[in-house]
C-alpha atoms as a PDB file:
ATOM      1  CA  MET A   1      81.873 116.799  91.395  1.00  0.00           C
ATOM      2  CA  VAL A   2      85.114 118.134  90.421  1.00  0.00           C
ATOM      3  CA  VAL A   3      89.001 117.463  91.700  1.00  0.00           C
ATOM      4  CA  SER A   4      91.063 119.773  92.960  1.00  0.00           C
ATOM      5  CA  TYR A   5      94.537 119.524  93.519  1.00  0.00           C
ATOM      6  CA  ILE A   6      95.360 122.421  94.701  1.00  0.00           C
ATOM      7  CA  GLY A   7      96.857 121.415  98.312  1.00  0.00           C
ATOM      8  CA  LEU A   8      99.045 119.379  95.844  1.00  0.00           C
ATOM      9  CA  TRP A   9     100.453 122.112  94.264  1.00  0.00           C
ATOM     10  CA  LYS A  10     100.675 124.503  97.741  1.00  0.00           C
ATOM     11  CA  ILE A  11     102.643 121.705  99.321  1.00  0.00           C
ATOM     12  CA  LEU A  12     104.672 120.844  96.181  1.00  0.00           C
ATOM     13  CA  LEU A  13     105.846 124.873  96.313  1.00  0.00           C
ATOM     14  CA  GLU A  14     106.177 125.189 100.586  1.00  0.00           C
ATOM     15  CA  LYS A  15     108.643 122.050 100.009  1.00  0.00           C
ATOM     16  CA  GLY A  16     110.827 123.873  97.560  1.00  0.00           C
ATOM     17  CA  LEU A  17     109.117 120.588  94.933  1.00  0.00           C
ATOM     18  CA  GLN A  18     108.221 120.486  91.220  1.00  0.00           C
ATOM     19  CA  LYS A  19     105.799 118.220  89.868  1.00  0.00           C
ATOM     20  CA  GLN A  20     108.778 116.414  88.273  1.00  0.00           C
ATOM     21  CA  ASP A  21     109.791 115.237  91.653  1.00  0.00           C
ATOM     22  CA  LEU A  22     106.708 113.351  91.870  1.00  0.00           C
ATOM     23  CA  VAL A  23     107.563 111.348  89.048  1.00  0.00           C
ATOM     24  CA  GLU A  24     111.479 110.904  89.981  1.00  0.00           C
ATOM     25  CA  HIS A  25     110.765 110.092  94.001  1.00  0.00           C
ATOM     26  CA  ALA A  26     107.142 109.247  94.327  1.00  0.00           C
ATOM     27  CA  GLY A  27     106.884 106.808  91.606  1.00  0.00           C
ATOM     28  CA  LEU A  28     104.396 108.246  89.305  1.00  0.00           C
ATOM     29  CA  SER A  29     104.320 108.373  85.344  1.00  0.00           C
ATOM     30  CA  SER A  30     104.434 111.906  83.899  1.00  0.00           C
ATOM     31  CA  ALA A  31     100.948 110.907  82.594  1.00  0.00           C
ATOM     32  CA  THR A  32      99.814 110.575  85.572  1.00  0.00           C
ATOM     33  CA  VAL A  33     100.887 114.064  86.920  1.00  0.00           C
ATOM     34  CA  ALA A  34      99.450 115.519  83.806  1.00  0.00           C
ATOM     35  CA  LYS A  35      96.049 114.402  84.797  1.00  0.00           C
ATOM     36  CA  MET A  36      96.489 115.725  88.102  1.00  0.00           C
ATOM     37  CA  GLY A  37      97.339 118.977  86.645  1.00  0.00           C
ATOM     38  CA  LYS A  38      94.037 118.914  84.724  1.00  0.00           C
ATOM     39  CA  GLY A  39      92.123 118.037  87.209  1.00  0.00           C
ATOM     40  CA  GLU A  40      91.351 114.692  86.226  1.00  0.00           C
ATOM     41  CA  PRO A  41      90.713 112.307  88.852  1.00  0.00           C
ATOM     42  CA  VAL A  42      93.598 109.717  89.950  1.00  0.00           C
ATOM     43  CA  SER A  43      93.360 105.969  91.944  1.00  0.00           C
ATOM     44  CA  ASN A  44      93.851 105.580  95.563  1.00  0.00           C
ATOM     45  CA  LYS A  45      96.861 104.075  95.115  1.00  0.00           C
ATOM     46  CA  VAL A  46      98.135 107.277  93.218  1.00  0.00           C
ATOM     47  CA  LEU A  47      97.477 109.512  96.552  1.00  0.00           C
ATOM     48  CA  GLU A  48      98.872 107.043  98.535  1.00  0.00           C
ATOM     49  CA  LYS A  49     102.009 107.389  96.548  1.00  0.00           C
ATOM     50  CA  VAL A  50     102.146 111.345  96.952  1.00  0.00           C
ATOM     51  CA  CYS A  51     101.100 111.329 100.583  1.00  0.00           C
ATOM     52  CA  THR A  52     103.980 108.633 101.604  1.00  0.00           C
ATOM     53  CA  TYR A  53     106.417 110.747  99.667  1.00  0.00           C
ATOM     54  CA  LEU A  54     104.963 113.993 100.852  1.00  0.00           C
ATOM     55  CA  GLU A  55     103.998 113.029 104.449  1.00  0.00           C
ATOM     56  CA  CYS A  56     100.693 114.315 104.234  1.00  0.00           C
ATOM     57  CA  SER A  57      97.451 113.070 104.350  1.00  0.00           C
ATOM     58  CA  VAL A  58      94.700 112.554 101.591  1.00  0.00           C
ATOM     59  CA  ASN A  59      92.921 115.848 102.633  1.00  0.00           C
ATOM     60  CA  ASP A  60      95.839 117.624 102.469  1.00  0.00           C
ATOM     61  CA  ILE A  61      95.959 117.434  98.713  1.00  0.00           C
ATOM     62  CA  ILE A  62      92.498 117.146  97.420  1.00  0.00           C
ATOM     63  CA  SER A  63      89.743 118.246  97.429  1.00  0.00           C
ATOM     64  CA  TYR A  64      85.998 117.867  95.827  1.00  0.00           C
ATOM     65  CA  GLU A  65      84.187 121.294  94.431  1.00  0.00           C
END
């Protein structure tokens, strides 16, 4: 099973945000954002931080293929 963060990248684009905004405002490390960029799994706590920052649900940002 592969994790896809395409929904996350689409939301960032729609809101005019960049990956760096996740580091600066959502409290993620740059290493965590890099993992997401490679499609690697991250913890539920990370997903919760992203969803809180972007005001969305987990289903909006990830999918499993």
